[in-house]
Amino acid sequence: MISNNYIITSPEGIHARPATTLIRLAKKYKSTVSLKKDEKLVLLNSMLNILTIGAKGGDTITIIIEGEDEADAAQAIHNFFEEELKNL
């Protein structure tokens, strides 16, 4: 299991467009990818799950990845949060 914390840098938070990109990214891997904010934990497999979390700019979220290709998935998701999220 790999767990990484990220601070949402976009003032809009995780809205529909970055959520869609993140879901597509997670679905490329066999590992289970979850998103946690505060005490809420959801699977990263649907728009509704992500929007339910309500991650806004400045919030800290945790991505939890578990499975056979978790290292690859963790790197791809890390790249998303460090680079791509800023451009969406």
N, C-alpha and C. Protein backbone atom coordinates (compact mmCIF):
# COMPACT_ATOMS: atom_id res chain seq x y z
N MET A 1 0.85 -1.18 0.00
CA MET A 1 0.00 0.00 0.00
C MET A 1 0.89 1.24 0.00
N ILE A 2 0.52 2.19 -0.84
CA ILE A 2 1.22 3.47 -0.91
C ILE A 2 0.21 4.56 -0.57
N SER A 3 0.61 5.46 0.30
CA SER A 3 -0.25 6.56 0.71
C SER A 3 0.53 7.87 0.59
N ASN A 4 -0.03 8.83 -0.13
CA ASN A 4 0.62 10.13 -0.31
C ASN A 4 -0.36 11.25 -0.03
N ASN A 5 0.12 12.29 0.64
CA ASN A 5 -0.69 13.48 0.91
C ASN A 5 -0.39 14.55 -0.12
N TYR A 6 -1.43 15.28 -0.51
CA TYR A 6 -1.28 16.38 -1.45
C TYR A 6 -2.11 17.56 -0.98
N ILE A 7 -1.59 18.74 -1.20
CA ILE A 7 -2.34 19.96 -0.93
C ILE A 7 -2.91 20.43 -2.26
N ILE A 8 -4.19 20.69 -2.29
CA ILE A 8 -4.84 21.15 -3.52
C ILE A 8 -4.41 22.60 -3.74
N THR A 9 -3.68 22.84 -4.81
CA THR A 9 -3.15 24.18 -5.09
C THR A 9 -4.09 25.02 -5.96
N SER A 10 -4.96 24.38 -6.69
CA SER A 10 -5.90 25.11 -7.53
C SER A 10 -6.96 25.77 -6.65
N PRO A 11 -7.20 27.07 -6.81
CA PRO A 11 -8.21 27.75 -5.98
C PRO A 11 -9.61 27.14 -6.13
N GLU A 12 -9.89 26.57 -7.31
CA GLU A 12 -11.20 25.96 -7.56
C GLU A 12 -11.33 24.57 -6.94
N GLY A 13 -10.23 24.01 -6.47
CA GLY A 13 -10.25 22.66 -5.92
C GLY A 13 -10.31 21.62 -7.01
N ILE A 14 -10.80 20.44 -6.66
CA ILE A 14 -10.94 19.38 -7.66
C ILE A 14 -12.37 19.46 -8.18
N HIS A 15 -12.53 20.12 -9.32
CA HIS A 15 -13.84 20.24 -9.95
C HIS A 15 -13.95 19.20 -11.07
N ALA A 16 -14.96 19.31 -11.90
CA ALA A 16 -15.28 18.26 -12.87
C ALA A 16 -14.15 17.91 -13.83
N ARG A 17 -13.47 18.90 -14.39
CA ARG A 17 -12.44 18.59 -15.40
C ARG A 17 -11.25 17.85 -14.79
N PRO A 18 -10.63 18.34 -13.71
CA PRO A 18 -9.53 17.55 -13.14
C PRO A 18 -10.00 16.22 -12.56
N ALA A 19 -11.22 16.16 -12.06
CA ALA A 19 -11.73 14.89 -11.53
C ALA A 19 -11.82 13.86 -12.64
N THR A 20 -12.30 14.26 -13.81
CA THR A 20 -12.39 13.35 -14.95
C THR A 20 -11.01 12.85 -15.34
N THR A 21 -10.04 13.74 -15.40
CA THR A 21 -8.67 13.35 -15.75
C THR A 21 -8.11 12.38 -14.72
N LEU A 22 -8.36 12.63 -13.46
CA LEU A 22 -7.85 11.78 -12.39
C LEU A 22 -8.50 10.39 -12.44
N ILE A 23 -9.78 10.33 -12.73
CA ILE A 23 -10.47 9.04 -12.83
C ILE A 23 -9.90 8.23 -13.99
N ARG A 24 -9.72 8.87 -15.13
CA ARG A 24 -9.15 8.17 -16.29
C ARG A 24 -7.75 7.65 -15.99
N LEU A 25 -6.97 8.44 -15.28
CA LEU A 25 -5.62 8.04 -14.91
C LEU A 25 -5.66 6.82 -13.99
N ALA A 26 -6.50 6.85 -12.98
CA ALA A 26 -6.59 5.74 -12.02
C ALA A 26 -7.07 4.46 -12.69
N LYS A 27 -7.95 4.58 -13.67
CA LYS A 27 -8.49 3.40 -14.35
C LYS A 27 -7.47 2.71 -15.25
N LYS A 28 -6.34 3.34 -15.51
CA LYS A 28 -5.30 2.72 -16.33
C LYS A 28 -4.56 1.62 -15.57
N TYR A 29 -4.75 1.57 -14.26
CA TYR A 29 -4.00 0.65 -13.41
C TYR A 29 -4.93 -0.37 -12.77
N LYS A 30 -4.36 -1.53 -12.44
CA LYS A 30 -5.12 -2.59 -11.80
C LYS A 30 -5.32 -2.33 -10.32
N SER A 31 -4.47 -1.52 -9.74
CA SER A 31 -4.54 -1.22 -8.31
C SER A 31 -5.81 -0.45 -7.96
N THR A 32 -6.22 -0.60 -6.72
CA THR A 32 -7.35 0.17 -6.20
C THR A 32 -6.82 1.52 -5.72
N VAL A 33 -7.45 2.58 -6.20
CA VAL A 33 -7.02 3.93 -5.84
C VAL A 33 -8.16 4.59 -5.07
N SER A 34 -7.84 5.09 -3.87
CA SER A 34 -8.83 5.75 -3.03
C SER A 34 -8.38 7.17 -2.73
N LEU A 35 -9.36 8.00 -2.44
CA LEU A 35 -9.13 9.40 -2.10
C LEU A 35 -9.71 9.65 -0.72
N LYS A 36 -8.93 10.27 0.16
CA LYS A 36 -9.39 10.53 1.52
C LYS A 36 -9.21 12.00 1.85
N LYS A 37 -10.24 12.58 2.43
CA LYS A 37 -10.17 13.95 2.95
C LYS A 37 -10.88 13.93 4.30
N ASP A 38 -10.17 14.38 5.30
CA ASP A 38 -10.68 14.31 6.66
C ASP A 38 -11.04 12.85 6.97
N GLU A 39 -12.27 12.57 7.28
CA GLU A 39 -12.67 11.20 7.60
C GLU A 39 -13.38 10.51 6.45
N LYS A 40 -13.55 11.21 5.32
CA LYS A 40 -14.23 10.63 4.16
C LYS A 40 -13.23 9.89 3.28
N LEU A 41 -13.57 8.66 2.93
CA LEU A 41 -12.74 7.84 2.06
C LEU A 41 -13.62 7.32 0.93
N VAL A 42 -13.21 7.58 -0.32
CA VAL A 42 -13.98 7.12 -1.48
C VAL A 42 -13.04 6.49 -2.50
N LEU A 43 -13.59 5.58 -3.30
CA LEU A 43 -12.83 5.02 -4.41
C LEU A 43 -12.71 6.07 -5.50
N LEU A 44 -11.59 6.08 -6.14
CA LEU A 44 -11.33 7.04 -7.21
C LEU A 44 -11.78 6.43 -8.53
N ASN A 45 -13.10 6.20 -8.64
CA ASN A 45 -13.62 5.56 -9.85
C ASN A 45 -14.87 6.23 -10.40
N SER A 46 -15.32 7.29 -9.75
CA SER A 46 -16.49 7.98 -10.29
C SER A 46 -16.44 9.46 -9.92
N MET A 47 -17.02 10.25 -10.79
CA MET A 47 -17.09 11.69 -10.58
C MET A 47 -17.82 12.02 -9.28
N LEU A 48 -18.91 11.34 -9.04
CA LEU A 48 -19.70 11.60 -7.84
C LEU A 48 -18.88 11.37 -6.58
N ASN A 49 -18.10 10.30 -6.56
CA ASN A 49 -17.25 10.03 -5.39
C ASN A 49 -16.30 11.19 -5.12
N ILE A 50 -15.64 11.67 -6.16
CA ILE A 50 -14.65 12.74 -5.99
C ILE A 50 -15.33 14.04 -5.57
N LEU A 51 -16.42 14.38 -6.22
CA LEU A 51 -17.10 15.63 -5.89
C LEU A 51 -17.71 15.59 -4.49
N THR A 52 -18.07 14.39 -4.02
CA THR A 52 -18.61 14.24 -2.66
C THR A 52 -17.59 14.64 -1.60
N ILE A 53 -16.32 14.41 -1.90
CA ILE A 53 -15.24 14.77 -0.97
C ILE A 53 -15.20 16.28 -0.75
N GLY A 54 -15.48 17.05 -1.81
CA GLY A 54 -15.50 18.51 -1.69
C GLY A 54 -14.14 19.13 -1.45
N ALA A 55 -13.12 18.64 -2.15
CA ALA A 55 -11.76 19.15 -1.97
C ALA A 55 -11.63 20.53 -2.61
N LYS A 56 -11.30 21.53 -1.80
CA LYS A 56 -11.15 22.90 -2.25
C LYS A 56 -9.69 23.31 -2.19
N GLY A 57 -9.38 24.45 -2.78
CA GLY A 57 -8.02 24.97 -2.73
C GLY A 57 -7.53 25.10 -1.31
N GLY A 58 -6.34 24.60 -1.05
CA GLY A 58 -5.75 24.64 0.29
C GLY A 58 -6.00 23.41 1.13
N ASP A 59 -6.95 22.57 0.72
CA ASP A 59 -7.25 21.34 1.46
C ASP A 59 -6.14 20.31 1.24
N THR A 60 -5.94 19.46 2.24
CA THR A 60 -5.02 18.34 2.12
C THR A 60 -5.83 17.07 1.91
N ILE A 61 -5.45 16.33 0.89
CA ILE A 61 -6.09 15.04 0.62
C ILE A 61 -5.03 13.95 0.66
N THR A 62 -5.48 12.73 0.81
CA THR A 62 -4.59 11.57 0.80
C THR A 62 -5.03 10.63 -0.30
N ILE A 63 -4.08 10.21 -1.12
CA ILE A 63 -4.33 9.21 -2.14
C ILE A 63 -3.75 7.90 -1.63
N ILE A 64 -4.56 6.86 -1.62
CA ILE A 64 -4.15 5.54 -1.14
C ILE A 64 -4.25 4.57 -2.31
N ILE A 65 -3.14 3.90 -2.60
CA ILE A 65 -3.08 2.99 -3.74
C ILE A 65 -2.64 1.62 -3.25
N GLU A 66 -3.39 0.61 -3.67
CA GLU A 66 -3.07 -0.75 -3.23
C GLU A 66 -3.29 -1.72 -4.38
N GLY A 67 -2.24 -2.47 -4.70
CA GLY A 67 -2.36 -3.47 -5.76
C GLY A 67 -1.04 -3.77 -6.42
N GLU A 68 -1.10 -4.60 -7.44
CA GLU A 68 0.12 -5.11 -8.06
C GLU A 68 0.94 -4.06 -8.79
N ASP A 69 0.31 -3.02 -9.29
CA ASP A 69 1.05 -1.97 -10.00
C ASP A 69 0.98 -0.63 -9.26
N GLU A 70 0.94 -0.70 -7.94
CA GLU A 70 0.77 0.50 -7.13
C GLU A 70 1.90 1.51 -7.28
N ALA A 71 3.12 1.05 -7.48
CA ALA A 71 4.24 1.99 -7.63
C ALA A 71 4.08 2.82 -8.90
N ASP A 72 3.70 2.19 -10.00
CA ASP A 72 3.49 2.92 -11.25
C ASP A 72 2.31 3.87 -11.13
N ALA A 73 1.24 3.39 -10.53
CA ALA A 73 0.05 4.24 -10.34
C ALA A 73 0.38 5.44 -9.45
N ALA A 74 1.13 5.20 -8.38
CA ALA A 74 1.50 6.28 -7.47
C ALA A 74 2.33 7.34 -8.17
N GLN A 75 3.25 6.92 -9.02
CA GLN A 75 4.08 7.88 -9.75
C GLN A 75 3.24 8.71 -10.71
N ALA A 76 2.34 8.06 -11.44
CA ALA A 76 1.49 8.78 -12.39
C ALA A 76 0.58 9.78 -11.68
N ILE A 77 0.01 9.38 -10.56
CA ILE A 77 -0.87 10.27 -9.81
C ILE A 77 -0.06 11.40 -9.18
N HIS A 78 1.13 11.10 -8.72
CA HIS A 78 2.02 12.15 -8.19
C HIS A 78 2.29 13.20 -9.28
N ASN A 79 2.61 12.73 -10.48
CA ASN A 79 2.85 13.65 -11.59
C ASN A 79 1.62 14.51 -11.87
N PHE A 80 0.44 13.91 -11.79
CA PHE A 80 -0.79 14.65 -12.00
C PHE A 80 -0.91 15.80 -11.00
N PHE A 81 -0.70 15.51 -9.73
CA PHE A 81 -0.86 16.55 -8.71
C PHE A 81 0.25 17.59 -8.77
N GLU A 82 1.44 17.20 -9.14
CA GLU A 82 2.55 18.14 -9.17
C GLU A 82 2.59 18.99 -10.43
N GLU A 83 2.07 18.49 -11.54
CA GLU A 83 2.20 19.21 -12.81
C GLU A 83 0.87 19.51 -13.47
N GLU A 84 0.10 18.49 -13.75
CA GLU A 84 -1.09 18.65 -14.57
C GLU A 84 -2.20 19.43 -13.89
N LEU A 85 -2.41 19.22 -12.59
CA LEU A 85 -3.53 19.88 -11.89
C LEU A 85 -3.41 21.40 -11.98
N LYS A 86 -2.20 21.91 -12.03
CA LYS A 86 -1.99 23.35 -12.11
C LYS A 86 -2.45 23.92 -13.46
N ASN A 87 -2.50 23.07 -14.48
CA ASN A 87 -2.86 23.53 -15.83
C ASN A 87 -4.33 23.31 -16.17
N LEU A 88 -5.10 22.70 -15.27
CA LEU A 88 -6.51 22.44 -15.58
C LEU A 88 -7.39 23.54 -15.03
